């Protein structure tokens, strides 16, 4: 298997980042065009690459002027049109998360709840990745691929990259709640978005110090997973609202959801506290030393 494009001391920084961008577009295209992918898999894989794409565009935003922001806005605007297919799967994931003695439903009720959500999932998938939507996604990738070849990245240095990575790190630190018990779903969702970006950006420097970078990526992924599970449980909770598919089970599901969300928040707090303890300036210096020592 070929090495994933990333920053390496033997490669020019700008060309390495161009290769990362090209890999994102190629992987996203494969997700849409692969005939073996179900619509749900295609949407999931495409959305994942768009998160990588938006993170990279943020990194390069100071060097590409308005073009990076234009592509970021386009990718951002595509996300809500694909998110509906994700909502039902999020609710199914939340049900799995609740499985066990904490879920006060009989096996028969669980099966009924799951069937209702699965039916909703199938309906959403059928209306999301239409032929027209596939065409729009591929056209967006064509525009991006053409632009990448023209990006003026030849003067980019690792110091430029380290500065942007430190800004991303600082943004996460600032978004971490002072009191996690008082943080609402919106604040945790905003934190998760910043963590996702930081996680993908750190993949770019992984070859410089694989042990440290892999630890960082894995810990960020675990932190992201806890916050994502919190968000999935919110989706399930919304489905128990008035005239919603799971309203009948609201009185039993909502307390279990709140208890499980509290557990995810506690786990996220522990990870964030140890992972983001370093000052941004020290974090940046660590990156620069990684580059200097190869």
C-alpha atoms as a PDB file:
ATOM      1  CA  UNK A   1       0.000   0.000   0.000  1.00  0.00           C
ATOM      2  CA  UNK A   2       1.353   3.432  -0.964  1.00  0.00           C
ATOM      3  CA  UNK A   3       2.191   5.900   1.784  1.00  0.00           C
ATOM      4  CA  UNK A   4      -0.547   8.365   2.529  1.00  0.00           C
ATOM      5  CA  UNK A   5       0.463  11.891   1.435  1.00  0.00           C
ATOM      6  CA  UNK A   6       1.788  13.936   4.353  1.00  0.00           C
ATOM      7  CA  UNK A   7       4.628  16.262   5.314  1.00  0.00           C
ATOM      8  CA  UNK A   8       8.078  14.679   5.181  1.00  0.00           C
ATOM      9  CA  UNK A   9      11.416  16.428   5.591  1.00  0.00           C
ATOM     10  CA  UNK A  10      12.651  15.239   2.183  1.00  0.00           C
ATOM     11  CA  UNK A  11       9.698  16.789   0.345  1.00  0.00           C
ATOM     12  CA  UNK A  12       8.929  20.433  -0.362  1.00  0.00           C
ATOM     13  CA  UNK A  13       6.189  21.565   2.027  1.00  0.00           C
ATOM     14  CA  UNK A  14       3.972  23.068  -0.668  1.00  0.00           C
ATOM     15  CA  UNK A  15       4.123  20.016  -2.931  1.00  0.00           C
ATOM     16  CA  UNK A  16       3.421  17.683  -0.007  1.00  0.00           C
ATOM     17  CA  UNK A  17       0.296  19.661   0.867  1.00  0.00           C
ATOM     18  CA  UNK A  18      -0.745  19.693  -2.786  1.00  0.00           C
ATOM     19  CA  UNK A  19      -0.490  15.901  -2.743  1.00  0.00           C
ATOM     20  CA  UNK A  20      -2.654  15.780   0.401  1.00  0.00           C
ATOM     21  CA  UNK A  21      -5.302  17.874  -1.381  1.00  0.00           C
ATOM     22  CA  UNK A  22      -5.199  15.655  -4.460  1.00  0.00           C
ATOM     23  CA  UNK A  23      -5.546  12.547  -2.285  1.00  0.00           C
ATOM     24  CA  UNK A  24      -8.631  14.003  -0.597  1.00  0.00           C
ATOM     25  CA  UNK A  25     -10.312  14.690  -3.937  1.00  0.00           C
ATOM     26  CA  UNK A  26      -9.412  11.261  -5.310  1.00  0.00           C
ATOM     27  CA  UNK A  27     -10.708   9.466  -2.217  1.00  0.00           C
ATOM     28  CA  UNK A  28     -13.924  11.494  -2.203  1.00  0.00           C
ATOM     29  CA  UNK A  29     -14.461  10.711  -5.884  1.00  0.00           C
ATOM     30  CA  UNK A  30     -13.936   7.017  -5.241  1.00  0.00           C
ATOM     31  CA  UNK A  31     -16.528   7.151  -2.463  1.00  0.00           C
ATOM     32  CA  UNK A  32     -19.137   8.536  -4.853  1.00  0.00           C
ATOM     33  CA  UNK A  33     -18.272   6.418  -7.899  1.00  0.00           C
ATOM     34  CA  UNK A  34     -17.548   3.015  -6.300  1.00  0.00           C
ATOM     35  CA  UNK A  35     -20.404   0.724  -7.427  1.00  0.00           C
ATOM     36  CA  UNK A  36     -19.918  -1.529  -4.398  1.00  0.00           C
ATOM     37  CA  UNK A  37     -20.790   1.287  -1.989  1.00  0.00           C
ATOM     38  CA  UNK A  38     -24.299   1.602  -0.680  1.00  0.00           C
ATOM     39  CA  UNK A  39     -25.659   5.147  -0.604  1.00  0.00           C
ATOM     40  CA  UNK A  40     -25.105   5.250   3.160  1.00  0.00           C
ATOM     41  CA  UNK A  41     -21.439   4.228   2.809  1.00  0.00           C
ATOM     42  CA  UNK A  42     -20.896   6.650  -0.084  1.00  0.00           C
ATOM     43  CA  UNK A  43     -22.331   9.554   1.920  1.00  0.00           C
ATOM     44  CA  UNK A  44     -20.326   8.625   5.019  1.00  0.00           C
ATOM     45  CA  UNK A  45     -17.028   8.349   3.143  1.00  0.00           C
ATOM     46  CA  UNK A  46     -17.636  11.532   1.147  1.00  0.00           C
ATOM     47  CA  UNK A  47     -18.518  13.505   4.290  1.00  0.00           C
ATOM     48  CA  UNK A  48     -15.351  12.240   5.984  1.00  0.00           C
ATOM     49  CA  UNK A  49     -13.189  13.465   3.104  1.00  0.00           C
ATOM     50  CA  UNK A  50     -14.959  16.827   3.123  1.00  0.00           C
ATOM     51  CA  UNK A  51     -13.957  17.245   6.761  1.00  0.00           C
ATOM     52  CA  UNK A  52     -10.350  16.584   5.773  1.00  0.00           C
ATOM     53  CA  UNK A  53     -10.789  19.009   2.888  1.00  0.00           C
ATOM     54  CA  UNK A  54     -12.177  21.810   5.010  1.00  0.00           C
ATOM     55  CA  UNK A  55      -9.408  21.342   7.577  1.00  0.00           C
ATOM     56  CA  UNK A  56      -6.745  21.551   4.865  1.00  0.00           C
ATOM     57  CA  UNK A  57      -8.377  24.611   3.315  1.00  0.00           C
ATOM     58  CA  UNK A  58      -8.359  26.291   6.716  1.00  0.00           C
ATOM     59  CA  UNK A  59      -4.647  25.498   7.039  1.00  0.00           C
ATOM     60  CA  UNK A  60      -3.970  27.013   3.617  1.00  0.00           C
ATOM     61  CA  UNK A  61      -6.430  29.871   3.973  1.00  0.00           C
ATOM     62  CA  UNK A  62      -3.734  32.450   4.731  1.00  0.00           C
ATOM     63  CA  UNK A  63      -1.849  31.511   1.556  1.00  0.00           C
ATOM     64  CA  UNK A  64      -4.633  31.047  -1.011  1.00  0.00           C
ATOM     65  CA  UNK A  65      -6.565  34.244  -0.329  1.00  0.00           C
ATOM     66  CA  UNK A  66     -10.248  34.052  -1.295  1.00  0.00           C
ATOM     67  CA  UNK A  67     -10.034  30.749  -3.171  1.00  0.00           C
ATOM     68  CA  UNK A  68      -9.633  28.611  -0.046  1.00  0.00           C
ATOM     69  CA  UNK A  69     -12.600  30.299   1.610  1.00  0.00           C
ATOM     70  CA  UNK A  70     -14.714  29.851  -1.504  1.00  0.00           C
ATOM     71  CA  UNK A  71     -14.057  26.102  -1.528  1.00  0.00           C
ATOM     72  CA  UNK A  72     -14.648  25.882   2.235  1.00  0.00           C
ATOM     73  CA  UNK A  73     -18.030  27.567   1.851  1.00  0.00           C
ATOM     74  CA  UNK A  74     -18.961  25.223  -0.990  1.00  0.00           C
ATOM     75  CA  UNK A  75     -18.024  22.152   1.089  1.00  0.00           C
ATOM     76  CA  UNK A  76     -19.871  23.569   4.102  1.00  0.00           C
ATOM     77  CA  UNK A  77     -23.014  24.167   2.039  1.00  0.00           C
ATOM     78  CA  UNK A  78     -22.961  20.612   0.720  1.00  0.00           C
ATOM     79  CA  UNK A  79     -22.879  19.140   4.238  1.00  0.00           C
ATOM     80  CA  UNK A  80     -26.509  19.904   5.268  1.00  0.00           C
ATOM     81  CA  UNK A  81     -27.778  18.371   2.035  1.00  0.00           C
ATOM     82  CA  UNK A  82     -26.071  15.112   2.968  1.00  0.00           C
ATOM     83  CA  UNK A  83     -26.651  15.211   6.722  1.00  0.00           C
ATOM     84  CA  UNK A  84     -30.236  13.909   6.605  1.00  0.00           C
ATOM     85  CA  UNK A  85     -28.968  10.480   5.600  1.00  0.00           C
ATOM     86  CA  UNK A  86     -26.744  10.561   8.681  1.00  0.00           C
ATOM     87  CA  UNK A  87     -29.454  11.449  11.214  1.00  0.00           C
ATOM     88  CA  UNK A  88     -31.240   8.105  11.258  1.00  0.00           C
ATOM     89  CA  UNK A  89     -27.928   6.245  11.460  1.00  0.00           C
ATOM     90  CA  UNK A  90     -26.959   8.504  14.374  1.00  0.00           C
ATOM     91  CA  UNK A  91     -30.140   7.459  16.176  1.00  0.00           C
ATOM     92  CA  UNK A  92     -29.353   3.789  15.530  1.00  0.00           C
ATOM     93  CA  UNK A  93     -25.834   4.312  16.882  1.00  0.00           C
ATOM     94  CA  UNK A  94     -27.342   5.976  19.958  1.00  0.00           C
ATOM     95  CA  UNK A  95     -29.605   2.976  20.525  1.00  0.00           C
ATOM     96  CA  UNK A  96     -26.554   0.713  20.409  1.00  0.00           C
ATOM     97  CA  UNK A  97     -24.838   3.055  22.855  1.00  0.00           C
ATOM     98  CA  UNK A  98     -27.786   2.720  25.247  1.00  0.00           C
ATOM     99  CA  UNK A  99     -27.979  -1.060  24.955  1.00  0.00           C
ATOM    100  CA  UNK A 100     -27.798  -2.889  28.263  1.00  0.00           C
ATOM    101  CA  UNK A 101     -29.391  -2.643  31.675  1.00  0.00           C
ATOM    102  CA  UNK A 102     -29.521   1.178  31.473  1.00  0.00           C
ATOM    103  CA  UNK A 103     -32.098   1.009  28.683  1.00  0.00           C
ATOM    104  CA  UNK A 104     -35.520   0.579  30.352  1.00  0.00           C
ATOM    105  CA  UNK A 105     -37.210  -1.042  27.368  1.00  0.00           C
ATOM    106  CA  UNK A 106     -38.233  -4.608  26.784  1.00  0.00           C
ATOM    107  CA  UNK A 107     -36.545  -6.490  23.916  1.00  0.00           C
ATOM    108  CA  UNK A 108     -39.810  -6.221  21.992  1.00  0.00           C
ATOM    109  CA  UNK A 109     -39.929  -2.441  22.444  1.00  0.00           C
ATOM    110  CA  UNK A 110     -36.271  -2.109  21.442  1.00  0.00           C
ATOM    111  CA  UNK A 111     -36.987  -4.061  18.265  1.00  0.00           C
ATOM    112  CA  UNK A 112     -39.964  -1.823  17.485  1.00  0.00           C
ATOM    113  CA  UNK A 113     -37.960   1.368  18.093  1.00  0.00           C
ATOM    114  CA  UNK A 114     -35.115   0.111  15.941  1.00  0.00           C
ATOM    115  CA  UNK A 115     -37.484  -0.864  13.125  1.00  0.00           C
ATOM    116  CA  UNK A 116     -39.013   2.621  13.094  1.00  0.00           C
ATOM    117  CA  UNK A 117     -35.614   4.291  12.904  1.00  0.00           C
ATOM    118  CA  UNK A 118     -34.393   1.886  10.229  1.00  0.00           C
ATOM    119  CA  UNK A 119     -37.453   2.651   8.117  1.00  0.00           C
ATOM    120  CA  UNK A 120     -36.672   6.346   8.455  1.00  0.00           C
ATOM    121  CA  UNK A 121     -33.049   5.671   7.487  1.00  0.00           C
ATOM    122  CA  UNK A 122     -34.063   3.882   4.296  1.00  0.00           C
ATOM    123  CA  UNK A 123     -36.404   6.706   3.344  1.00  0.00           C
ATOM    124  CA  UNK A 124     -33.717   9.342   3.924  1.00  0.00           C
ATOM    125  CA  UNK A 125     -31.110   7.435   1.933  1.00  0.00           C
ATOM    126  CA  UNK A 126     -33.479   7.153  -1.016  1.00  0.00           C
ATOM    127  CA  UNK A 127     -33.939  10.932  -1.180  1.00  0.00           C
ATOM    128  CA  UNK A 128     -30.342  12.026  -0.475  1.00  0.00           C
ATOM    129  CA  UNK A 129     -27.856  10.566  -2.941  1.00  0.00           C
ATOM    130  CA  UNK A 130     -29.854  10.961  -6.134  1.00  0.00           C
ATOM    131  CA  UNK A 131     -28.250  10.941  -9.587  1.00  0.00           C
ATOM    132  CA  UNK A 132     -28.459  14.736  -9.600  1.00  0.00           C
ATOM    133  CA  UNK A 133     -26.728  14.939  -6.227  1.00  0.00           C
ATOM    134  CA  UNK A 134     -23.968  12.592  -7.364  1.00  0.00           C
ATOM    135  CA  UNK A 135     -23.436  14.826 -10.378  1.00  0.00           C
ATOM    136  CA  UNK A 136     -23.163  17.916  -8.187  1.00  0.00           C
ATOM    137  CA  UNK A 137     -20.621  16.238  -5.907  1.00  0.00           C
ATOM    138  CA  UNK A 138     -18.467  15.112  -8.835  1.00  0.00           C
ATOM    139  CA  UNK A 139     -18.649  18.572 -10.439  1.00  0.00           C
ATOM    140  CA  UNK A 140     -17.462  20.134  -7.177  1.00  0.00           C
ATOM    141  CA  UNK A 141     -14.558  17.686  -7.073  1.00  0.00           C
ATOM    142  CA  UNK A 142     -13.668  18.526 -10.686  1.00  0.00           C
ATOM    143  CA  UNK A 143     -13.470  22.216  -9.817  1.00  0.00           C
ATOM    144  CA  UNK A 144     -11.348  21.506  -6.764  1.00  0.00           C
ATOM    145  CA  UNK A 145      -8.955  19.199  -8.637  1.00  0.00           C
ATOM    146  CA  UNK A 146      -8.404  21.783 -11.355  1.00  0.00           C
ATOM    147  CA  UNK A 147      -7.699  24.507  -8.780  1.00  0.00           C
ATOM    148  CA  UNK A 148      -5.267  22.384  -6.756  1.00  0.00           C
ATOM    149  CA  UNK A 149      -2.922  22.077  -9.738  1.00  0.00           C
ATOM    150  CA  UNK A 150      -2.640  25.872  -9.890  1.00  0.00           C
ATOM    151  CA  UNK A 151      -2.182  26.615  -6.186  1.00  0.00           C
ATOM    152  CA  UNK A 152       0.901  28.844  -5.574  1.00  0.00           C
ATOM    153  CA  UNK A 153       2.409  26.829  -2.726  1.00  0.00           C
ATOM    154  CA  UNK A 154       6.082  26.930  -3.698  1.00  0.00           C
ATOM    155  CA  UNK A 155       7.015  29.503  -1.027  1.00  0.00           C
ATOM    156  CA  UNK A 156       5.227  27.741   1.825  1.00  0.00           C
ATOM    157  CA  UNK A 157       7.466  26.765   4.767  1.00  0.00           C
ATOM    158  CA  UNK A 158       7.000  24.439   7.696  1.00  0.00           C
ATOM    159  CA  UNK A 159       7.046  27.438  10.021  1.00  0.00           C
ATOM    160  CA  UNK A 160       3.915  28.644   8.207  1.00  0.00           C
ATOM    161  CA  UNK A 161       2.279  25.267   8.761  1.00  0.00           C
ATOM    162  CA  UNK A 162       3.324  25.088  12.419  1.00  0.00           C
ATOM    163  CA  UNK A 163       1.863  28.538  13.031  1.00  0.00           C
ATOM    164  CA  UNK A 164      -1.517  27.488  11.604  1.00  0.00           C
ATOM    165  CA  UNK A 165      -1.510  24.198  13.520  1.00  0.00           C
ATOM    166  CA  UNK A 166      -0.844  26.094  16.740  1.00  0.00           C
ATOM    167  CA  UNK A 167      -3.781  28.408  15.967  1.00  0.00           C
ATOM    168  CA  UNK A 168      -6.020  25.367  15.523  1.00  0.00           C
ATOM    169  CA  UNK A 169      -4.735  23.949  18.806  1.00  0.00           C
ATOM    170  CA  UNK A 170      -5.399  27.265  20.555  1.00  0.00           C
ATOM    171  CA  UNK A 171      -8.951  27.374  19.155  1.00  0.00           C
ATOM    172  CA  UNK A 172      -9.673  23.972  20.689  1.00  0.00           C
ATOM    173  CA  UNK A 173      -8.260  25.058  24.060  1.00  0.00           C
ATOM    174  CA  UNK A 174     -10.429  28.165  24.049  1.00  0.00           C
ATOM    175  CA  UNK A 175     -13.542  26.146  23.202  1.00  0.00           C
ATOM    176  CA  UNK A 176     -13.035  23.653  26.042  1.00  0.00           C
ATOM    177  CA  UNK A 177     -15.689  24.434  28.684  1.00  0.00           C
ATOM    178  CA  UNK A 178     -14.628  25.805  32.047  1.00  0.00           C
ATOM    179  CA  UNK A 179     -17.511  23.850  33.543  1.00  0.00           C
ATOM    180  CA  UNK A 180     -18.365  20.793  31.475  1.00  0.00           C
ATOM    181  CA  UNK A 181     -21.503  20.111  33.505  1.00  0.00           C
ATOM    182  CA  UNK A 182     -22.960  23.422  32.297  1.00  0.00           C
ATOM    183  CA  UNK A 183     -21.970  23.062  28.627  1.00  0.00           C
ATOM    184  CA  UNK A 184     -24.938  22.728  26.288  1.00  0.00           C
ATOM    185  CA  UNK A 185     -25.176  20.622  23.152  1.00  0.00           C
ATOM    186  CA  UNK A 186     -24.336  23.531  20.850  1.00  0.00           C
ATOM    187  CA  UNK A 187     -21.110  24.339  22.699  1.00  0.00           C
ATOM    188  CA  UNK A 188     -20.041  20.688  22.647  1.00  0.00           C
ATOM    189  CA  UNK A 189     -20.905  20.448  18.959  1.00  0.00           C
ATOM    190  CA  UNK A 190     -18.736  23.502  18.194  1.00  0.00           C
ATOM    191  CA  UNK A 191     -15.901  21.966  20.231  1.00  0.00           C
ATOM    192  CA  UNK A 192     -16.230  18.707  18.331  1.00  0.00           C
ATOM    193  CA  UNK A 193     -15.915  20.496  14.982  1.00  0.00           C
ATOM    194  CA  UNK A 194     -12.659  22.105  16.085  1.00  0.00           C
ATOM    195  CA  UNK A 195     -11.352  18.765  17.376  1.00  0.00           C
ATOM    196  CA  UNK A 196     -12.171  17.087  14.056  1.00  0.00           C
ATOM    197  CA  UNK A 197     -10.173  19.727  12.206  1.00  0.00           C
ATOM    198  CA  UNK A 198      -7.242  19.388  14.601  1.00  0.00           C
ATOM    199  CA  UNK A 199      -7.310  15.609  14.264  1.00  0.00           C
ATOM    200  CA  UNK A 200      -7.072  15.721  10.462  1.00  0.00           C
ATOM    201  CA  UNK A 201      -4.421  18.423  10.503  1.00  0.00           C
ATOM    202  CA  UNK A 202      -2.222  16.356  12.810  1.00  0.00           C
ATOM    203  CA  UNK A 203      -2.380  13.459  10.349  1.00  0.00           C
ATOM    204  CA  UNK A 204      -0.449  15.681   7.954  1.00  0.00           C
ATOM    205  CA  UNK A 205       2.583  15.839  10.286  1.00  0.00           C
ATOM    206  CA  UNK A 206       2.394  12.219  11.464  1.00  0.00           C
ATOM    207  CA  UNK A 207       5.540  11.017   9.601  1.00  0.00           C
ATOM    208  CA  UNK A 208       7.694  13.567  11.465  1.00  0.00           C
ATOM    209  CA  UNK A 209       7.229  11.761  14.798  1.00  0.00           C
ATOM    210  CA  UNK A 210       4.918   8.795  14.236  1.00  0.00           C
ATOM    211  CA  UNK A 211       4.624   7.670  17.861  1.00  0.00           C
ATOM    212  CA  UNK A 212       3.645  11.113  19.158  1.00  0.00           C
ATOM    213  CA  UNK A 213       1.416  12.038  16.218  1.00  0.00           C
ATOM    214  CA  UNK A 214      -0.423   8.707  16.227  1.00  0.00           C
ATOM    215  CA  UNK A 215      -1.065   9.066  19.932  1.00  0.00           C
ATOM    216  CA  UNK A 216      -2.364  12.579  19.334  1.00  0.00           C
ATOM    217  CA  UNK A 217      -4.623  11.509  16.450  1.00  0.00           C
ATOM    218  CA  UNK A 218      -5.954   8.508  18.382  1.00  0.00           C
ATOM    219  CA  UNK A 219      -6.674  10.519  21.524  1.00  0.00           C
ATOM    220  CA  UNK A 220      -8.382  13.215  19.489  1.00  0.00           C
ATOM    221  CA  UNK A 221     -10.420  10.541  17.747  1.00  0.00           C
ATOM    222  CA  UNK A 222     -11.520   9.109  21.098  1.00  0.00           C
ATOM    223  CA  UNK A 223     -12.428  12.596  22.301  1.00  0.00           C
ATOM    224  CA  UNK A 224     -14.319  13.187  19.064  1.00  0.00           C
ATOM    225  CA  UNK A 225     -16.135   9.856  19.469  1.00  0.00           C
ATOM    226  CA  UNK A 226     -17.400  10.745  22.946  1.00  0.00           C
ATOM    227  CA  UNK A 227     -18.665  14.110  21.756  1.00  0.00           C
ATOM    228  CA  UNK A 228     -20.125  12.465  18.658  1.00  0.00           C
ATOM    229  CA  UNK A 229     -21.960   9.911  20.782  1.00  0.00           C
ATOM    230  CA  UNK A 230     -23.353  12.781  22.856  1.00  0.00           C
ATOM    231  CA  UNK A 231     -24.610  14.338  19.626  1.00  0.00           C
ATOM    232  CA  UNK A 232     -26.089  11.030  18.394  1.00  0.00           C
ATOM    233  CA  UNK A 233     -28.012  10.751  21.653  1.00  0.00           C
ATOM    234  CA  UNK A 234     -29.358  14.259  21.051  1.00  0.00           C
ATOM    235  CA  UNK A 235     -30.659  13.082  17.659  1.00  0.00           C
ATOM    236  CA  UNK A 236     -32.379  10.137  19.332  1.00  0.00           C
ATOM    237  CA  UNK A 237     -33.829  12.457  21.968  1.00  0.00           C
ATOM    238  CA  UNK A 238     -35.317  14.726  19.287  1.00  0.00           C
ATOM    239  CA  UNK A 239     -37.075  11.699  17.814  1.00  0.00           C
ATOM    240  CA  UNK A 240     -38.962  11.307  21.111  1.00  0.00           C
ATOM    241  CA  UNK A 241     -40.532  14.759  20.825  1.00  0.00           C
ATOM    242  CA  UNK A 242     -44.177  15.533  20.198  1.00  0.00           C
ATOM    243  CA  UNK A 243     -45.469  13.873  17.010  1.00  0.00           C
ATOM    244  CA  UNK A 244     -42.040  12.367  16.383  1.00  0.00           C
ATOM    245  CA  UNK A 245     -41.477   8.662  15.528  1.00  0.00           C
ATOM    246  CA  UNK A 246     -40.418   7.673  19.070  1.00  0.00           C
ATOM    247  CA  UNK A 247     -42.744   9.919  21.108  1.00  0.00           C
ATOM    248  CA  UNK A 248     -44.404   6.849  22.654  1.00  0.00           C
ATOM    249  CA  UNK A 249     -41.163   5.932  24.470  1.00  0.00           C
ATOM    250  CA  UNK A 250     -40.133   9.424  25.573  1.00  0.00           C
ATOM    251  CA  UNK A 251     -40.638   8.934  29.325  1.00  0.00           C
ATOM    252  CA  UNK A 252     -38.343   5.900  29.324  1.00  0.00           C
ATOM    253  CA  UNK A 253     -35.748   6.976  26.770  1.00  0.00           C
ATOM    254  CA  UNK A 254     -35.032  10.539  27.876  1.00  0.00           C
ATOM    255  CA  UNK A 255     -33.684   9.710  31.387  1.00  0.00           C
ATOM    256  CA  UNK A 256     -31.488   6.956  29.953  1.00  0.00           C
ATOM    257  CA  UNK A 257     -30.197   9.352  27.279  1.00  0.00           C
ATOM    258  CA  UNK A 258     -29.341  12.004  29.885  1.00  0.00           C
ATOM    259  CA  UNK A 259     -27.460   9.473  32.013  1.00  0.00           C
ATOM    260  CA  UNK A 260     -25.441   8.209  29.051  1.00  0.00           C
ATOM    261  CA  UNK A 261     -24.678  11.719  27.823  1.00  0.00           C
ATOM    262  CA  UNK A 262     -23.308  12.615  31.249  1.00  0.00           C
ATOM    263  CA  UNK A 263     -20.941   9.634  31.011  1.00  0.00           C
ATOM    264  CA  UNK A 264     -19.668  10.779  27.607  1.00  0.00           C
ATOM    265  CA  UNK A 265     -19.137  14.330  28.878  1.00  0.00           C
ATOM    266  CA  UNK A 266     -17.128  13.029  31.850  1.00  0.00           C
ATOM    267  CA  UNK A 267     -14.926  10.922  29.571  1.00  0.00           C
ATOM    268  CA  UNK A 268     -14.427  13.809  27.126  1.00  0.00           C
ATOM    269  CA  UNK A 269     -13.432  16.131  29.973  1.00  0.00           C
ATOM    270  CA  UNK A 270     -10.731  13.715  31.177  1.00  0.00           C
ATOM    271  CA  UNK A 271      -9.206  13.338  27.713  1.00  0.00           C
ATOM    272  CA  UNK A 272      -9.326  17.051  26.873  1.00  0.00           C
ATOM    273  CA  UNK A 273      -7.724  17.973  30.169  1.00  0.00           C
ATOM    274  CA  UNK A 274      -4.634  15.858  29.535  1.00  0.00           C
ATOM    275  CA  UNK A 275      -4.439  16.320  25.757  1.00  0.00           C
ATOM    276  CA  UNK A 276      -4.715  20.115  25.659  1.00  0.00           C
ATOM    277  CA  UNK A 277      -2.690  20.962  28.758  1.00  0.00           C
ATOM    278  CA  UNK A 278       0.244  22.412  26.799  1.00  0.00           C
ATOM    279  CA  UNK A 279       0.386  26.118  25.926  1.00  0.00           C
ATOM    280  CA  UNK A 280      -0.039  26.893  22.182  1.00  0.00           C
ATOM    281  CA  UNK A 281       3.460  28.379  21.960  1.00  0.00           C
ATOM    282  CA  UNK A 282       4.987  25.194  23.414  1.00  0.00           C
ATOM    283  CA  UNK A 283       2.881  23.082  21.076  1.00  0.00           C
ATOM    284  CA  UNK A 284       4.151  25.072  18.101  1.00  0.00           C
ATOM    285  CA  UNK A 285       7.754  24.712  19.243  1.00  0.00           C
ATOM    286  CA  UNK A 286       7.271  20.955  19.580  1.00  0.00           C
ATOM    287  CA  UNK A 287       6.121  20.815  15.943  1.00  0.00           C
ATOM    288  CA  UNK A 288       9.087  22.866  14.773  1.00  0.00           C
ATOM    289  CA  UNK A 289      11.516  20.577  16.611  1.00  0.00           C
ATOM    290  CA  UNK A 290       9.829  17.559  15.004  1.00  0.00           C
ATOM    291  CA  UNK A 291      10.551  19.115  11.606  1.00  0.00           C
ATOM    292  CA  UNK A 292      14.110  20.147  12.475  1.00  0.00           C
ATOM    293  CA  UNK A 293      15.069  16.698  13.747  1.00  0.00           C
ATOM    294  CA  UNK A 294      13.286  14.851  10.953  1.00  0.00           C
END
